[in-house]
Every structure is written in structure tokens, then in C-alpha cells.
Amino acid sequence: PAAAGDRSYEDAREYLTRFVGVGEKVADCVLLFSLGYLEAVPLDTWIRSAIADHYPDCDRGSYAETSRAIRERLGGEYAGYAQTYLFYYLRAGGE
């Protein structure tokens, strides 16, 4: 996975998904929490619910396109920070 650190975000995610058992969400988690790609937004159940409820225009069907749209909406290069706060807010009972 360290070899992913020298790539652009999209290339790094594609590289990580080559590993057996690593899908796009897990790759985004590794990129955000381990490799410092602050634009990564893992799309789990909580974030997908937030998209459906608050950002329906960002739901593009596929993981990659929805991820791209919500990244742009949440601040681009720092979208991972925004996603982390949004995740916590929802888990803590926010509406």
C-alpha cells in the first residue's frame, strides 16, 4: 500500500483495489486514514444516508461518480475532514 502514496488520489484508489478483498470503500478508508489523502470520502451506509437526505444531487449511481460529486460538494481537497465530522454527527444522533 505504501506505493499508493506516490500517486494521484484516483490512481491510488485504483491501485489499492487491485488487492484481493479491497473494494473502493476500503481503499478510500486506507487513503484517508493511513496515507493522508484528505480528499478521500469513504461511502459507507451513514454517508450514503446523508447523501440521500441532504445531498441527493450527488447520488450518481456508481461509487466512483457519487464519490467524486460528494468530494466536490464537501470541499475538494479536504472533503475527508468534512466527511469525518458528518459521520460523527450522524452517529451521535444528529438529524
PDB file of N, CA and C in Angstrom:
ATOM      1  N   PRO A   1       0.790  -1.213   0.000  1.00  0.00           N
ATOM      2  CA  PRO A   1       0.000   0.000   0.000  1.00  0.00           C
ATOM      3  C   PRO A   1       0.831   1.276   0.000  1.00  0.00           C
ATOM      4  N   ALA A   2       2.040   1.241   0.523  1.00  0.00           N
ATOM      5  CA  ALA A   2       2.860   2.452   0.540  1.00  0.00           C
ATOM      6  C   ALA A   2       3.117   2.975  -0.863  1.00  0.00           C
ATOM      7  N   ALA A   3       3.150   2.087  -1.856  1.00  0.00           N
ATOM      8  CA  ALA A   3       3.367   2.509  -3.241  1.00  0.00           C
ATOM      9  C   ALA A   3       2.226   3.386  -3.737  1.00  0.00           C
ATOM     10  N   ALA A   4       1.083   3.317  -3.100  1.00  0.00           N
ATOM     11  CA  ALA A   4      -0.048   4.154  -3.498  1.00  0.00           C
ATOM     12  C   ALA A   4       0.205   5.615  -3.157  1.00  0.00           C
ATOM     13  N   GLY A   5       1.049   5.875  -2.177  1.00  0.00           N
ATOM     14  CA  GLY A   5       1.296   7.230  -1.713  1.00  0.00           C
ATOM     15  C   GLY A   5       1.939   8.156  -2.716  1.00  0.00           C
ATOM     16  N   ASP A   6       2.520   7.615  -3.761  1.00  0.00           N
ATOM     17  CA  ASP A   6       3.176   8.439  -4.777  1.00  0.00           C
ATOM     18  C   ASP A   6       2.269   8.729  -5.963  1.00  0.00           C
ATOM     19  N   ARG A   7       1.017   8.387  -5.875  1.00  0.00           N
ATOM     20  CA  ARG A   7       0.086   8.511  -6.997  1.00  0.00           C
ATOM     21  C   ARG A   7      -0.968   9.579  -6.719  1.00  0.00           C
ATOM     22  N   SER A   8      -1.655   9.995  -7.777  1.00  0.00           N
ATOM     23  CA  SER A   8      -2.803  10.877  -7.588  1.00  0.00           C
ATOM     24  C   SER A   8      -3.874  10.095  -6.834  1.00  0.00           C
ATOM     25  N   TYR A   9      -4.831  10.786  -6.273  1.00  0.00           N
ATOM     26  CA  TYR A   9      -5.879  10.125  -5.498  1.00  0.00           C
ATOM     27  C   TYR A   9      -6.581   9.034  -6.304  1.00  0.00           C
ATOM     28  N   GLU A  10      -7.054   9.365  -7.491  1.00  0.00           N
ATOM     29  CA  GLU A  10      -7.788   8.394  -8.312  1.00  0.00           C
ATOM     30  C   GLU A  10      -6.912   7.188  -8.650  1.00  0.00           C
ATOM     31  N   ASP A  11      -5.655   7.434  -9.008  1.00  0.00           N
ATOM     32  CA  ASP A  11      -4.737   6.335  -9.331  1.00  0.00           C
ATOM     33  C   ASP A  11      -4.442   5.479  -8.100  1.00  0.00           C
ATOM     34  N   ALA A  12      -4.292   6.135  -6.951  1.00  0.00           N
ATOM     35  CA  ALA A  12      -4.014   5.397  -5.715  1.00  0.00           C
ATOM     36  C   ALA A  12      -5.192   4.499  -5.345  1.00  0.00           C
ATOM     37  N   ARG A  13      -6.412   5.002  -5.500  1.00  0.00           N
ATOM     38  CA  ARG A  13      -7.586   4.178  -5.188  1.00  0.00           C
ATOM     39  C   ARG A  13      -7.659   2.986  -6.135  1.00  0.00           C
ATOM     40  N   GLU A  14      -7.423   3.224  -7.405  1.00  0.00           N
ATOM     41  CA  GLU A  14      -7.444   2.135  -8.384  1.00  0.00           C
ATOM     42  C   GLU A  14      -6.359   1.111  -8.066  1.00  0.00           C
ATOM     43  N   TYR A  15      -5.179   1.584  -7.670  1.00  0.00           N
ATOM     44  CA  TYR A  15      -4.074   0.695  -7.313  1.00  0.00           C
ATOM     45  C   TYR A  15      -4.450  -0.196  -6.126  1.00  0.00           C
ATOM     46  N   LEU A  16      -5.029   0.391  -5.093  1.00  0.00           N
ATOM     47  CA  LEU A  16      -5.375  -0.382  -3.897  1.00  0.00           C
ATOM     48  C   LEU A  16      -6.464  -1.417  -4.164  1.00  0.00           C
ATOM     49  N   THR A  17      -7.370  -1.112  -5.071  1.00  0.00           N
ATOM     50  CA  THR A  17      -8.446  -2.072  -5.341  1.00  0.00           C
ATOM     51  C   THR A  17      -7.955  -3.293  -6.116  1.00  0.00           C
ATOM     52  N   ARG A  18      -6.709  -3.296  -6.516  1.00  0.00           N
ATOM     53  CA  ARG A  18      -6.134  -4.486  -7.158  1.00  0.00           C
ATOM     54  C   ARG A  18      -5.884  -5.604  -6.147  1.00  0.00           C
ATOM     55  N   PHE A  19      -5.780  -5.249  -4.862  1.00  0.00           N
ATOM     56  CA  PHE A  19      -5.560  -6.251  -3.824  1.00  0.00           C
ATOM     57  C   PHE A  19      -6.856  -7.014  -3.571  1.00  0.00           C
ATOM     58  N   VAL A  20      -6.757  -8.325  -3.465  1.00  0.00           N
ATOM     59  CA  VAL A  20      -7.931  -9.161  -3.221  1.00  0.00           C
ATOM     60  C   VAL A  20      -8.615  -8.710  -1.933  1.00  0.00           C
ATOM     61  N   GLY A  21      -9.910  -8.505  -2.000  1.00  0.00           N
ATOM     62  CA  GLY A  21     -10.690  -8.126  -0.830  1.00  0.00           C
ATOM     63  C   GLY A  21     -10.762  -6.641  -0.559  1.00  0.00           C
ATOM     64  N   VAL A  22     -10.064  -5.838  -1.351  1.00  0.00           N
ATOM     65  CA  VAL A  22     -10.088  -4.387  -1.155  1.00  0.00           C
ATOM     66  C   VAL A  22     -10.979  -3.768  -2.226  1.00  0.00           C
ATOM     67  N   GLY A  23     -12.119  -3.273  -1.778  1.00  0.00           N
ATOM     68  CA  GLY A  23     -13.032  -2.574  -2.678  1.00  0.00           C
ATOM     69  C   GLY A  23     -12.805  -1.078  -2.593  1.00  0.00           C
ATOM     70  N   GLU A  24     -13.667  -0.332  -3.242  1.00  0.00           N
ATOM     71  CA  GLU A  24     -13.492   1.122  -3.293  1.00  0.00           C
ATOM     72  C   GLU A  24     -13.616   1.775  -1.916  1.00  0.00           C
ATOM     73  N   LYS A  25     -14.567   1.326  -1.093  1.00  0.00           N
ATOM     74  CA  LYS A  25     -14.731   1.931   0.230  1.00  0.00           C
ATOM     75  C   LYS A  25     -13.519   1.671   1.117  1.00  0.00           C
ATOM     76  N   VAL A  26     -13.044   0.441   1.147  1.00  0.00           N
ATOM     77  CA  VAL A  26     -11.861   0.117   1.957  1.00  0.00           C
ATOM     78  C   VAL A  26     -10.656   0.892   1.442  1.00  0.00           C
ATOM     79  N   ALA A  27     -10.517   0.981   0.135  1.00  0.00           N
ATOM     80  CA  ALA A  27      -9.411   1.754  -0.437  1.00  0.00           C
ATOM     81  C   ALA A  27      -9.500   3.205   0.015  1.00  0.00           C
ATOM     82  N   ASP A  28     -10.707   3.785  -0.002  1.00  0.00           N
ATOM     83  CA  ASP A  28     -10.864   5.168   0.453  1.00  0.00           C
ATOM     84  C   ASP A  28     -10.528   5.309   1.934  1.00  0.00           C
ATOM     85  N   CYS A  29     -10.888   4.330   2.750  1.00  0.00           N
ATOM     86  CA  CYS A  29     -10.534   4.369   4.177  1.00  0.00           C
ATOM     87  C   CYS A  29      -9.019   4.359   4.360  1.00  0.00           C
ATOM     88  N   VAL A  30      -8.339   3.491   3.651  1.00  0.00           N
ATOM     89  CA  VAL A  30      -6.875   3.421   3.732  1.00  0.00           C
ATOM     90  C   VAL A  30      -6.265   4.738   3.266  1.00  0.00           C
ATOM     91  N   LEU A  31      -6.773   5.267   2.165  1.00  0.00           N
ATOM     92  CA  LEU A  31      -6.227   6.518   1.636  1.00  0.00           C
ATOM     93  C   LEU A  31      -6.426   7.673   2.610  1.00  0.00           C
ATOM     94  N   LEU A  32      -7.607   7.778   3.197  1.00  0.00           N
ATOM     95  CA  LEU A  32      -7.897   8.880   4.114  1.00  0.00           C
ATOM     96  C   LEU A  32      -7.186   8.730   5.450  1.00  0.00           C
ATOM     97  N   PHE A  33      -7.322   7.570   6.074  1.00  0.00           N
ATOM     98  CA  PHE A  33      -6.856   7.411   7.449  1.00  0.00           C
ATOM     99  C   PHE A  33      -5.414   6.940   7.590  1.00  0.00           C
ATOM    100  N   SER A  34      -4.824   6.421   6.525  1.00  0.00           N
ATOM    101  CA  SER A  34      -3.453   5.911   6.629  1.00  0.00           C
ATOM    102  C   SER A  34      -2.455   6.611   5.730  1.00  0.00           C
ATOM    103  N   LEU A  35      -2.908   7.050   4.566  1.00  0.00           N
ATOM    104  CA  LEU A  35      -1.961   7.585   3.585  1.00  0.00           C
ATOM    105  C   LEU A  35      -2.091   9.086   3.353  1.00  0.00           C
ATOM    106  N   GLY A  36      -2.985   9.751   4.090  1.00  0.00           N
ATOM    107  CA  GLY A  36      -3.053  11.204   4.045  1.00  0.00           C
ATOM    108  C   GLY A  36      -3.732  11.813   2.832  1.00  0.00           C
ATOM    109  N   TYR A  37      -4.551  11.052   2.146  1.00  0.00           N
ATOM    110  CA  TYR A  37      -5.320  11.607   1.026  1.00  0.00           C
ATOM    111  C   TYR A  37      -6.579  12.234   1.619  1.00  0.00           C
ATOM    112  N   LEU A  38      -6.502  13.506   1.955  1.00  0.00           N
ATOM    113  CA  LEU A  38      -7.572  14.171   2.684  1.00  0.00           C
ATOM    114  C   LEU A  38      -8.817  14.402   1.849  1.00  0.00           C
ATOM    115  N   GLU A  39      -8.729  14.166   0.554  1.00  0.00           N
ATOM    116  CA  GLU A  39      -9.905  14.298  -0.299  1.00  0.00           C
ATOM    117  C   GLU A  39     -10.744  13.026  -0.360  1.00  0.00           C
ATOM    118  N   ALA A  40     -10.234  11.929   0.175  1.00  0.00           N
ATOM    119  CA  ALA A  40     -10.955  10.653   0.122  1.00  0.00           C
ATOM    120  C   ALA A  40     -12.204  10.701   0.998  1.00  0.00           C
ATOM    121  N   VAL A  41     -13.321  10.240   0.461  1.00  0.00           N
ATOM    122  CA  VAL A  41     -14.585  10.191   1.191  1.00  0.00           C
ATOM    123  C   VAL A  41     -15.134   8.767   1.097  1.00  0.00           C
ATOM    124  N   PRO A  42     -14.865   7.938   2.109  1.00  0.00           N
ATOM    125  CA  PRO A  42     -15.415   6.582   2.099  1.00  0.00           C
ATOM    126  C   PRO A  42     -16.945   6.628   2.147  1.00  0.00           C
ATOM    127  N   LEU A  43     -17.579   5.931   1.227  1.00  0.00           N
ATOM    128  CA  LEU A  43     -19.040   5.934   1.149  1.00  0.00           C
ATOM    129  C   LEU A  43     -19.599   4.709   1.860  1.00  0.00           C
ATOM    130  N   ASP A  44     -19.833   4.863   3.162  1.00  0.00           N
ATOM    131  CA  ASP A  44     -20.445   3.778   3.919  1.00  0.00           C
ATOM    132  C   ASP A  44     -21.946   4.051   4.049  1.00  0.00           C
ATOM    133  N   THR A  45     -22.632   3.245   4.828  1.00  0.00           N
ATOM    134  CA  THR A  45     -24.076   3.386   4.997  1.00  0.00           C
ATOM    135  C   THR A  45     -24.457   4.755   5.537  1.00  0.00           C
ATOM    136  N   TRP A  46     -23.705   5.259   6.501  1.00  0.00           N
ATOM    137  CA  TRP A  46     -24.014   6.553   7.110  1.00  0.00           C
ATOM    138  C   TRP A  46     -23.862   7.693   6.115  1.00  0.00           C
ATOM    139  N   ILE A  47     -22.794   7.681   5.360  1.00  0.00           N
ATOM    140  CA  ILE A  47     -22.554   8.759   4.398  1.00  0.00           C
ATOM    141  C   ILE A  47     -23.533   8.648   3.232  1.00  0.00           C
ATOM    142  N   ARG A  48     -23.842   7.438   2.818  1.00  0.00           N
ATOM    143  CA  ARG A  48     -24.845   7.279   1.746  1.00  0.00           C
ATOM    144  C   ARG A  48     -26.214   7.789   2.215  1.00  0.00           C
ATOM    145  N   SER A  49     -26.553   7.591   3.488  1.00  0.00           N
ATOM    146  CA  SER A  49     -27.806   8.128   4.033  1.00  0.00           C
ATOM    147  C   SER A  49     -27.787   9.649   4.032  1.00  0.00           C
ATOM    148  N   ALA A  50     -26.651  10.217   4.408  1.00  0.00           N
ATOM    149  CA  ALA A  50     -26.519  11.676   4.401  1.00  0.00           C
ATOM    150  C   ALA A  50     -26.654  12.222   2.983  1.00  0.00           C
ATOM    151  N   ILE A  51     -26.081  11.518   2.021  1.00  0.00           N
ATOM    152  CA  ILE A  51     -26.200  11.944   0.626  1.00  0.00           C
ATOM    153  C   ILE A  51     -27.666  11.903   0.201  1.00  0.00           C
ATOM    154  N   ALA A  52     -28.351  10.808   0.518  1.00  0.00           N
ATOM    155  CA  ALA A  52     -29.761  10.671   0.139  1.00  0.00           C
ATOM    156  C   ALA A  52     -30.622  11.756   0.784  1.00  0.00           C
ATOM    157  N   ASP A  53     -30.352  12.070   2.052  1.00  0.00           N
ATOM    158  CA  ASP A  53     -31.174  13.030   2.789  1.00  0.00           C
ATOM    159  C   ASP A  53     -30.818  14.488   2.531  1.00  0.00           C
ATOM    160  N   HIS A  54     -29.528  14.783   2.369  1.00  0.00           N
ATOM    161  CA  HIS A  54     -29.094  16.181   2.321  1.00  0.00           C
ATOM    162  C   HIS A  54     -28.417  16.602   1.018  1.00  0.00           C
ATOM    163  N   TYR A  55     -27.898  15.661   0.266  1.00  0.00           N
ATOM    164  CA  TYR A  55     -27.173  15.975  -0.972  1.00  0.00           C
ATOM    165  C   TYR A  55     -27.615  15.044  -2.104  1.00  0.00           C
ATOM    166  N   PRO A  56     -28.925  14.930  -2.354  1.00  0.00           N
ATOM    167  CA  PRO A  56     -29.388  13.944  -3.339  1.00  0.00           C
ATOM    168  C   PRO A  56     -28.837  14.174  -4.747  1.00  0.00           C
ATOM    169  N   ASP A  57     -28.490  15.401  -5.048  1.00  0.00           N
ATOM    170  CA  ASP A  57     -27.913  15.688  -6.366  1.00  0.00           C
ATOM    171  C   ASP A  57     -26.537  15.052  -6.541  1.00  0.00           C
ATOM    172  N   CYS A  58     -25.914  14.624  -5.452  1.00  0.00           N
ATOM    173  CA  CYS A  58     -24.592  13.987  -5.527  1.00  0.00           C
ATOM    174  C   CYS A  58     -24.678  12.482  -5.762  1.00  0.00           C
ATOM    175  N   ASP A  59     -25.866  11.908  -5.638  1.00  0.00           N
ATOM    176  CA  ASP A  59     -26.012  10.465  -5.876  1.00  0.00           C
ATOM    177  C   ASP A  59     -26.018  10.221  -7.374  1.00  0.00           C
ATOM    178  N   ARG A  60     -24.932   9.671  -7.870  1.00  0.00           N
ATOM    179  CA  ARG A  60     -24.763   9.462  -9.312  1.00  0.00           C
ATOM    180  C   ARG A  60     -24.853   7.998  -9.708  1.00  0.00           C
ATOM    181  N   GLY A  61     -25.242   7.141  -8.769  1.00  0.00           N
ATOM    182  CA  GLY A  61     -25.372   5.720  -9.082  1.00  0.00           C
ATOM    183  C   GLY A  61     -24.126   4.927  -8.742  1.00  0.00           C
ATOM    184  N   SER A  62     -23.057   5.142  -9.466  1.00  0.00           N
ATOM    185  CA  SER A  62     -21.832   4.376  -9.219  1.00  0.00           C
ATOM    186  C   SER A  62     -21.061   4.963  -8.039  1.00  0.00           C
ATOM    187  N   TYR A  63     -20.268   4.114  -7.402  1.00  0.00           N
ATOM    188  CA  TYR A  63     -19.437   4.560  -6.282  1.00  0.00           C
ATOM    189  C   TYR A  63     -18.509   5.689  -6.724  1.00  0.00           C
ATOM    190  N   ALA A  64     -17.805   5.480  -7.831  1.00  0.00           N
ATOM    191  CA  ALA A  64     -16.804   6.452  -8.279  1.00  0.00           C
ATOM    192  C   ALA A  64     -17.423   7.812  -8.574  1.00  0.00           C
ATOM    193  N   GLU A  65     -18.544   7.840  -9.258  1.00  0.00           N
ATOM    194  CA  GLU A  65     -19.171   9.116  -9.620  1.00  0.00           C
ATOM    195  C   GLU A  65     -19.814   9.795  -8.414  1.00  0.00           C
ATOM    196  N   THR A  66     -20.441   9.018  -7.534  1.00  0.00           N
ATOM    197  CA  THR A  66     -21.010   9.591  -6.316  1.00  0.00           C
ATOM    198  C   THR A  66     -19.896  10.135  -5.434  1.00  0.00           C
ATOM    199  N   SER A  67     -18.815   9.391  -5.319  1.00  0.00           N
ATOM    200  CA  SER A  67     -17.666   9.829  -4.534  1.00  0.00           C
ATOM    201  C   SER A  67     -17.107  11.141  -5.073  1.00  0.00           C
ATOM    202  N   ARG A  68     -16.966  11.235  -6.379  1.00  0.00           N
ATOM    203  CA  ARG A  68     -16.442  12.458  -6.999  1.00  0.00           C
ATOM    204  C   ARG A  68     -17.367  13.648  -6.708  1.00  0.00           C
ATOM    205  N   ALA A  69     -18.675  13.442  -6.842  1.00  0.00           N
ATOM    206  CA  ALA A  69     -19.636  14.525  -6.625  1.00  0.00           C
ATOM    207  C   ALA A  69     -19.647  14.987  -5.169  1.00  0.00           C
ATOM    208  N   ILE A  70     -19.652  14.052  -4.222  1.00  0.00           N
ATOM    209  CA  ILE A  70     -19.691  14.451  -2.809  1.00  0.00           C
ATOM    210  C   ILE A  70     -18.361  15.067  -2.385  1.00  0.00           C
ATOM    211  N   ARG A  71     -17.250  14.613  -2.958  1.00  0.00           N
ATOM    212  CA  ARG A  71     -15.948  15.247  -2.670  1.00  0.00           C
ATOM    213  C   ARG A  71     -15.985  16.710  -3.069  1.00  0.00           C
ATOM    214  N   GLU A  72     -16.492  16.988  -4.243  1.00  0.00           N
ATOM    215  CA  GLU A  72     -16.572  18.376  -4.699  1.00  0.00           C
ATOM    216  C   GLU A  72     -17.483  19.184  -3.788  1.00  0.00           C
ATOM    217  N   ARG A  73     -18.612  18.608  -3.380  1.00  0.00           N
ATOM    218  CA  ARG A  73     -19.577  19.302  -2.537  1.00  0.00           C
ATOM    219  C   ARG A  73     -19.034  19.575  -1.144  1.00  0.00           C
ATOM    220  N   LEU A  74     -18.214  18.651  -0.611  1.00  0.00           N
ATOM    221  CA  LEU A  74     -17.705  18.792   0.759  1.00  0.00           C
ATOM    222  C   LEU A  74     -16.376  19.532   0.849  1.00  0.00           C
ATOM    223  N   GLY A  75     -15.877  20.052  -0.239  1.00  0.00           N
ATOM    224  CA  GLY A  75     -14.690  20.879  -0.137  1.00  0.00           C
ATOM    225  C   GLY A  75     -13.470  20.418  -0.889  1.00  0.00           C
ATOM    226  N   GLY A  76     -13.618  19.465  -1.780  1.00  0.00           N
ATOM    227  CA  GLY A  76     -12.494  19.078  -2.626  1.00  0.00           C
ATOM    228  C   GLY A  76     -11.356  18.440  -1.865  1.00  0.00           C
ATOM    229  N   GLU A  77     -10.238  19.139  -1.802  1.00  0.00           N
ATOM    230  CA  GLU A  77      -9.029  18.528  -1.250  1.00  0.00           C
ATOM    231  C   GLU A  77      -9.115  18.209   0.242  1.00  0.00           C
ATOM    232  N   TYR A  78     -10.074  18.794   0.964  1.00  0.00           N
ATOM    233  CA  TYR A  78     -10.243  18.500   2.392  1.00  0.00           C
ATOM    234  C   TYR A  78     -11.584  17.828   2.692  1.00  0.00           C
ATOM    235  N   ALA A  79     -12.189  17.229   1.691  1.00  0.00           N
ATOM    236  CA  ALA A  79     -13.506  16.601   1.851  1.00  0.00           C
ATOM    237  C   ALA A  79     -13.489  15.475   2.880  1.00  0.00           C
ATOM    238  N   GLY A  80     -12.367  14.808   3.033  1.00  0.00           N
ATOM    239  CA  GLY A  80     -12.266  13.735   4.020  1.00  0.00           C
ATOM    240  C   GLY A  80     -12.481  14.230   5.441  1.00  0.00           C
ATOM    241  N   TYR A  81     -11.991  15.449   5.739  1.00  0.00           N
ATOM    242  CA  TYR A  81     -12.249  16.039   7.056  1.00  0.00           C
ATOM    243  C   TYR A  81     -13.747  16.260   7.245  1.00  0.00           C
ATOM    244  N   ALA A  82     -14.386  16.867   6.252  1.00  0.00           N
ATOM    245  CA  ALA A  82     -15.820  17.137   6.341  1.00  0.00           C
ATOM    246  C   ALA A  82     -16.603  15.838   6.504  1.00  0.00           C
ATOM    247  N   GLN A  83     -16.213  14.813   5.768  1.00  0.00           N
ATOM    248  CA  GLN A  83     -16.880  13.517   5.861  1.00  0.00           C
ATOM    249  C   GLN A  83     -16.756  12.945   7.262  1.00  0.00           C
ATOM    250  N   THR A  84     -15.604  13.098   7.882  1.00  0.00           N
ATOM    251  CA  THR A  84     -15.386  12.573   9.230  1.00  0.00           C
ATOM    252  C   THR A  84     -16.313  13.250  10.233  1.00  0.00           C
ATOM    253  N   TYR A  85     -16.460  14.566  10.141  1.00  0.00           N
ATOM    254  CA  TYR A  85     -17.370  15.284  11.034  1.00  0.00           C
ATOM    255  C   TYR A  85     -18.825  14.919  10.755  1.00  0.00           C
ATOM    256  N   LEU A  86     -19.176  14.798   9.488  1.00  0.00           N
ATOM    257  CA  LEU A  86     -20.533  14.412   9.117  1.00  0.00           C
ATOM    258  C   LEU A  86     -20.856  13.020   9.654  1.00  0.00           C
ATOM    259  N   PHE A  87     -19.926  12.097   9.510  1.00  0.00           N
ATOM    260  CA  PHE A  87     -20.098  10.738  10.025  1.00  0.00           C
ATOM    261  C   PHE A  87     -20.334  10.774  11.536  1.00  0.00           C
ATOM    262  N   TYR A  88     -19.496  11.507  12.262  1.00  0.00           N
ATOM    263  CA  TYR A  88     -19.640  11.580  13.714  1.00  0.00           C
ATOM    264  C   TYR A  88     -20.987  12.190  14.100  1.00  0.00           C
ATOM    265  N   TYR A  89     -21.366  13.266  13.432  1.00  0.00           N
ATOM    266  CA  TYR A  89     -22.639  13.934  13.711  1.00  0.00           C
ATOM    267  C   TYR A  89     -23.806  12.959  13.562  1.00  0.00           C
ATOM    268  N   LEU A  90     -23.808  12.210  12.480  1.00  0.00           N
ATOM    269  CA  LEU A  90     -24.891  11.252  12.249  1.00  0.00           C
ATOM    270  C   LEU A  90     -24.877  10.120  13.275  1.00  0.00           C
ATOM    271  N   ARG A  91     -23.701   9.608  13.594  1.00  0.00           N
ATOM    272  CA  ARG A  91     -23.590   8.517  14.568  1.00  0.00           C
ATOM    273  C   ARG A  91     -23.995   8.974  15.968  1.00  0.00           C
ATOM    274  N   ALA A  92     -23.797  10.250  16.259  1.00  0.00           N
ATOM    275  CA  ALA A  92     -24.133  10.785  17.577  1.00  0.00           C
ATOM    276  C   ALA A  92     -25.613  11.163  17.690  1.00  0.00           C
ATOM    277  N   GLY A  93     -26.379  10.906  16.638  1.00  0.00           N
ATOM    278  CA  GLY A  93     -27.812  11.157  16.702  1.00  0.00           C
ATOM    279  C   GLY A  93     -28.274  12.423  16.037  1.00  0.00           C
ATOM    280  N   GLY A  94     -27.404  13.096  15.309  1.00  0.00           N
ATOM    281  CA  GLY A  94     -27.796  14.309  14.589  1.00  0.00           C
ATOM    282  C   GLY A  94     -28.827  14.010  13.522  1.00  0.00           C
ATOM    283  N   GLU A  95     -29.530  15.006  13.161  1.00  0.00           N
ATOM    284  CA  GLU A  95     -30.572  14.837  12.132  1.00  0.00           C
ATOM    285  C   GLU A  95     -30.070  15.332  10.807  1.00  0.00           C
TER     286      GLU A  95
END
